[in-house]
C-alpha atoms as a PDB file:
ATOM      1  CA  MET A   1      55.303 108.217  92.022  1.00  0.00           C
ATOM      2  CA  PRO A   2      58.704 106.108  91.684  1.00  0.00           C
ATOM      3  CA  GLU A   3      61.458 107.538  91.745  1.00  0.00           C
ATOM      4  CA  LEU A   4      64.115 107.580  88.324  1.00  0.00           C
ATOM      5  CA  PHE A   5      67.863 106.963  89.083  1.00  0.00           C
ATOM      6  CA  ALA A   6      70.659 106.551  86.231  1.00  0.00           C
ATOM      7  CA  TYR A   7      74.090 104.744  87.495  1.00  0.00           C
ATOM      8  CA  THR A   8      76.601 105.474  85.183  1.00  0.00           C
ATOM      9  CA  ASP A   9      80.044 105.082  84.353  1.00  0.00           C
ATOM     10  CA  GLY A  10      83.204 104.860  81.454  1.00  0.00           C
ATOM     11  CA  ALA A  11      86.275 102.276  81.232  1.00  0.00           C
ATOM     12  CA  CYS A  12      89.200 102.643  79.305  1.00  0.00           C
ATOM     13  CA  SER A  13      92.066 100.220  78.274  1.00  0.00           C
ATOM     14  CA  GLY A  14      94.403 102.893  77.942  1.00  0.00           C
ATOM     15  CA  ASN A  15      93.974 106.035  77.680  1.00  0.00           C
ATOM     16  CA  PRO A  16      93.008 106.652  75.166  1.00  0.00           C
ATOM     17  CA  GLY A  17      92.654 103.061  73.654  1.00  0.00           C
ATOM     18  CA  PRO A  18      88.789 101.215  73.149  1.00  0.00           C
ATOM     19  CA  GLY A  19      86.329 102.348  75.486  1.00  0.00           C
ATOM     20  CA  GLY A  20      82.938 101.841  76.505  1.00  0.00           C
ATOM     21  CA  TRP A  21      80.197 103.486  78.709  1.00  0.00           C
ATOM     22  CA  GLY A  22      77.429 101.681  80.846  1.00  0.00           C
ATOM     23  CA  ALA A  23      74.087 103.352  82.571  1.00  0.00           C
ATOM     24  CA  LEU A  24      71.862 101.962  84.957  1.00  0.00           C
ATOM     25  CA  LEU A  25      68.563 103.290  84.715  1.00  0.00           C
ATOM     26  CA  GLN A  26      66.113 102.701  87.409  1.00  0.00           C
ATOM     27  CA  ALA A  27      62.588 104.002  88.308  1.00  0.00           C
ATOM     28  CA  VAL A  28      62.339 103.220  91.912  1.00  0.00           C
ATOM     29  CA  GLU A  29      59.255 103.206  94.766  1.00  0.00           C
ATOM     30  CA  GLY A  30      60.595 102.956  98.269  1.00  0.00           C
ATOM     31  CA  ASP A  31      62.833  99.859  98.257  1.00  0.00           C
ATOM     32  CA  THR A  32      61.350  98.403  95.489  1.00  0.00           C
ATOM     33  CA  VAL A  33      63.196  98.537  92.092  1.00  0.00           C
ATOM     34  CA  LEU A  34      59.834  99.182  89.523  1.00  0.00           C
ATOM     35  CA  ARG A  35      61.427  99.005  86.104  1.00  0.00           C
ATOM     36  CA  GLU A  36      64.799  99.120  84.572  1.00  0.00           C
ATOM     37  CA  ARG A  37      66.627  99.632  81.816  1.00  0.00           C
ATOM     38  CA  GLU A  38      70.451  99.167  80.743  1.00  0.00           C
ATOM     39  CA  LEU A  39      72.518 100.919  78.407  1.00  0.00           C
ATOM     40  CA  GLN A  40      75.982 100.567  76.742  1.00  0.00           C
ATOM     41  CA  GLY A  41      77.945 101.255  74.203  1.00  0.00           C
ATOM     42  CA  GLY A  42      81.690 101.812  73.210  1.00  0.00           C
ATOM     43  CA  GLU A  43      84.742 103.480  70.524  1.00  0.00           C
ATOM     44  CA  ALA A  44      87.486 102.077  69.389  1.00  0.00           C
ATOM     45  CA  GLU A  45      89.503 105.241  70.282  1.00  0.00           C
ATOM     46  CA  THR A  46      88.790 106.920  73.387  1.00  0.00           C
ATOM     47  CA  THR A  47      89.500 108.262  76.544  1.00  0.00           C
ATOM     48  CA  ASN A  48      87.592 107.267  80.058  1.00  0.00           C
ATOM     49  CA  ASN A  49      86.417 111.313  80.306  1.00  0.00           C
ATOM     50  CA  ARG A  50      84.505 110.716  76.967  1.00  0.00           C
ATOM     51  CA  MET A  51      82.835 107.417  78.068  1.00  0.00           C
ATOM     52  CA  GLU A  52      82.140 108.989  81.565  1.00  0.00           C
ATOM     53  CA  LEU A  53      80.105 112.329  79.932  1.00  0.00           C
ATOM     54  CA  LEU A  54      78.787 109.489  77.256  1.00  0.00           C
ATOM     55  CA  ALA A  55      76.927 107.538  79.922  1.00  0.00           C
ATOM     56  CA  ALA A  56      75.219 110.597  81.351  1.00  0.00           C
ATOM     57  CA  ILE A  57      74.783 111.395  78.034  1.00  0.00           C
ATOM     58  CA  ALA A  58      73.002 108.629  76.606  1.00  0.00           C
ATOM     59  CA  ALA A  59      70.531 108.023  80.281  1.00  0.00           C
ATOM     60  CA  LEU A  60      69.504 111.618  79.772  1.00  0.00           C
ATOM     61  CA  GLU A  61      68.748 110.799  76.138  1.00  0.00           C
ATOM     62  CA  ALA A  62      66.947 107.830  76.810  1.00  0.00           C
ATOM     63  CA  LEU A  63      64.406 109.160  78.812  1.00  0.00           C
ATOM     64  CA  SER A  64      61.260 109.949  76.949  1.00  0.00           C
ATOM     65  CA  LYS A  65      59.601 112.823  78.606  1.00  0.00           C
ATOM     66  CA  PRO A  66      61.314 115.716  80.628  1.00  0.00           C
ATOM     67  CA  SER A  67      61.713 113.893  83.851  1.00  0.00           C
ATOM     68  CA  ALA A  68      62.991 114.489  88.008  1.00  0.00           C
ATOM     69  CA  ILE A  69      66.236 111.797  87.833  1.00  0.00           C
ATOM     70  CA  THR A  70      69.177 111.484  90.060  1.00  0.00           C
ATOM     71  CA  ILE A  71      72.162 110.656  88.586  1.00  0.00           C
ATOM     72  CA  VAL A  72      75.020 108.832  89.889  1.00  0.00           C
ATOM     73  CA  THR A  73      78.584 108.827  89.053  1.00  0.00           C
ATOM     74  CA  ASP A  74      82.060 108.102  90.244  1.00  0.00           C
ATOM     75  CA  SER A  75      83.472 110.962  87.655  1.00  0.00           C
ATOM     76  CA  ALA A  76      84.621 113.479  89.648  1.00  0.00           C
ATOM     77  CA  TYR A  77      85.321 114.982  86.128  1.00  0.00           C
ATOM     78  CA  VAL A  78      81.110 114.862  84.858  1.00  0.00           C
ATOM     79  CA  LYS A  79      80.229 116.128  88.836  1.00  0.00           C
ATOM     80  CA  ASN A  80      82.096 118.998  89.088  1.00  0.00           C
ATOM     81  CA  GLY A  81      82.024 119.999  85.338  1.00  0.00           C
ATOM     82  CA  VAL A  82      78.275 119.572  85.297  1.00  0.00           C
ATOM     83  CA  THR A  83      77.604 121.301  88.570  1.00  0.00           C
ATOM     84  CA  GLY A  84      80.481 124.414  88.342  1.00  0.00           C
ATOM     85  CA  TRP A  85      82.724 124.630  85.762  1.00  0.00           C
ATOM     86  CA  ILE A  86      80.477 124.748  82.743  1.00  0.00           C
ATOM     87  CA  HIS A  87      78.909 128.246  84.068  1.00  0.00           C
ATOM     88  CA  GLY A  88      81.912 129.946  83.559  1.00  0.00           C
ATOM     89  CA  TRP A  89      82.779 128.057  80.459  1.00  0.00           C
ATOM     90  CA  LYS A  90      79.486 128.596  78.864  1.00  0.00           C
ATOM     91  CA  ARG A  91      80.024 132.689  79.663  1.00  0.00           C
ATOM     92  CA  ASN A  92      83.311 132.513  78.258  1.00  0.00           C
ATOM     93  CA  GLY A  93      82.220 130.838  75.189  1.00  0.00           C
ATOM     94  CA  TRP A  94      83.349 127.293  75.743  1.00  0.00           C
ATOM     95  CA  LYS A  95      87.155 128.562  76.991  1.00  0.00           C
ATOM     96  CA  THR A  96      88.694 127.250  80.163  1.00  0.00           C
ATOM     97  CA  SER A  97      89.631 130.030  82.696  1.00  0.00           C
ATOM     98  CA  ALA A  98      93.205 129.659  81.181  1.00  0.00           C
ATOM     99  CA  LYS A  99      91.205 130.847  77.675  1.00  0.00           C
ATOM    100  CA  LYS A 100      92.019 127.325  76.136  1.00  0.00           C
ATOM    101  CA  PRO A 101      89.018 125.396  74.276  1.00  0.00           C
ATOM    102  CA  VAL A 102      87.302 123.267  76.298  1.00  0.00           C
ATOM    103  CA  LYS A 103      88.609 119.813  76.491  1.00  0.00           C
ATOM    104  CA  ASN A 104      85.567 117.521  74.661  1.00  0.00           C
ATOM    105  CA  VAL A 105      83.629 120.259  74.070  1.00  0.00           C
ATOM    106  CA  GLU A 106      81.048 118.598  71.698  1.00  0.00           C
ATOM    107  CA  LEU A 107      80.155 116.177  74.571  1.00  0.00           C
ATOM    108  CA  TRP A 108      80.045 118.889  77.296  1.00  0.00           C
ATOM    109  CA  GLN A 109      77.644 120.770  75.241  1.00  0.00           C
ATOM    110  CA  ARG A 110      75.086 117.313  74.387  1.00  0.00           C
ATOM    111  CA  LEU A 111      74.987 117.103  77.898  1.00  0.00           C
ATOM    112  CA  ASP A 112      73.924 120.623  78.658  1.00  0.00           C
ATOM    113  CA  ALA A 113      71.496 120.131  75.840  1.00  0.00           C
ATOM    114  CA  ALA A 114      70.546 116.555  77.399  1.00  0.00           C
ATOM    115  CA  ARG A 115      70.146 117.927  80.953  1.00  0.00           C
ATOM    116  CA  ALA A 116      68.193 121.597  80.309  1.00  0.00           C
ATOM    117  CA  ARG A 117      65.347 119.069  79.407  1.00  0.00           C
ATOM    118  CA  HIS A 118      64.685 117.527  82.403  1.00  0.00           C
ATOM    119  CA  ASP A 119      65.840 118.312  86.718  1.00  0.00           C
ATOM    120  CA  VAL A 120      68.701 116.490  87.363  1.00  0.00           C
ATOM    121  CA  THR A 121      70.009 115.968  90.713  1.00  0.00           C
ATOM    122  CA  TRP A 122      73.682 114.629  90.467  1.00  0.00           C
ATOM    123  CA  GLU A 123      75.312 112.223  92.955  1.00  0.00           C
ATOM    124  CA  TRP A 124      78.995 111.464  93.231  1.00  0.00           C
ATOM    125  CA  VAL A 125      80.161 108.272  94.376  1.00  0.00           C
ATOM    126  CA  LYS A 126      83.253 106.307  94.952  1.00  0.00           C
ATOM    127  CA  GLY A 127      84.074 103.617  92.198  1.00  0.00           C
ATOM    128  CA  HIS A 128      85.290 100.214  92.699  1.00  0.00           C
ATOM    129  CA  ALA A 129      83.717 100.652  95.992  1.00  0.00           C
ATOM    130  CA  GLY A 130      80.975  97.740  95.963  1.00  0.00           C
ATOM    131  CA  HIS A 131      78.160  99.933  95.228  1.00  0.00           C
ATOM    132  CA  PRO A 132      76.104  97.579  94.273  1.00  0.00           C
ATOM    133  CA  GLU A 133      74.582  99.757  91.044  1.00  0.00           C
ATOM    134  CA  ASN A 134      77.616 101.132  90.721  1.00  0.00           C
ATOM    135  CA  GLU A 135      79.020  97.892  89.896  1.00  0.00           C
ATOM    136  CA  ARG A 136      76.884  97.012  87.541  1.00  0.00           C
ATOM    137  CA  ALA A 137      77.151 100.261  85.188  1.00  0.00           C
ATOM    138  CA  ASP A 138      81.225  99.564  85.468  1.00  0.00           C
ATOM    139  CA  ALA A 139      80.029  96.234  84.171  1.00  0.00           C
ATOM    140  CA  LEU A 140      78.225  97.653  81.301  1.00  0.00           C
ATOM    141  CA  ALA A 141      81.241  99.675  80.784  1.00  0.00           C
ATOM    142  CA  ARG A 142      83.083  96.885  80.300  1.00  0.00           C
ATOM    143  CA  ALA A 143      80.890  95.072  78.019  1.00  0.00           C
ATOM    144  CA  GLY A 144      80.597  98.023  76.003  1.00  0.00           C
ATOM    145  CA  MET A 145      83.985  98.397  75.138  1.00  0.00           C
ATOM    146  CA  ALA A 146      84.454  94.710  75.088  1.00  0.00           C
ATOM    147  CA  PRO A 147      83.814  94.690  71.057  1.00  0.00           C
ATOM    148  CA  PHE A 148      86.977  97.534  70.308  1.00  0.00           C
ATOM    149  CA  LYS A 149      89.643  95.459  72.662  1.00  0.00           C
ATOM    150  CA  PRO A 150      91.811  93.701  70.331  1.00  0.00           C
ATOM    151  CA  GLY A 151      91.714  89.947  70.786  1.00  0.00           C
END
């Protein structure tokens, strides 16, 4: 049975500003990539954190059936949020420990719903450090942003 991986990244030109997200999905057996799929998108006015969240959401929503998958992100915000902070936010009615509304709450709720269908392992990698799949996800995010950047 192949292992599934999703390498996700977000990009923004200005924060806020035009942004893009990218996800590289791979089915891997041993050292062999059996299948891969590239996803990308963007928005005219957004933030880097929103794009990082959308990349992970898109990867999970692209899976047609419940799956075991490892999501590799260079976003500590996404990894720490989904593996830690989200539990308190949900207990507190989507409020932070300071009783403030959680930023990007609709995306966190969408990510929470998407991951509930799957067995997800979350891994963090350092961005822009030469990790080949992370670099490809970054290129997809920049391509997703391109249509929204002023000429």
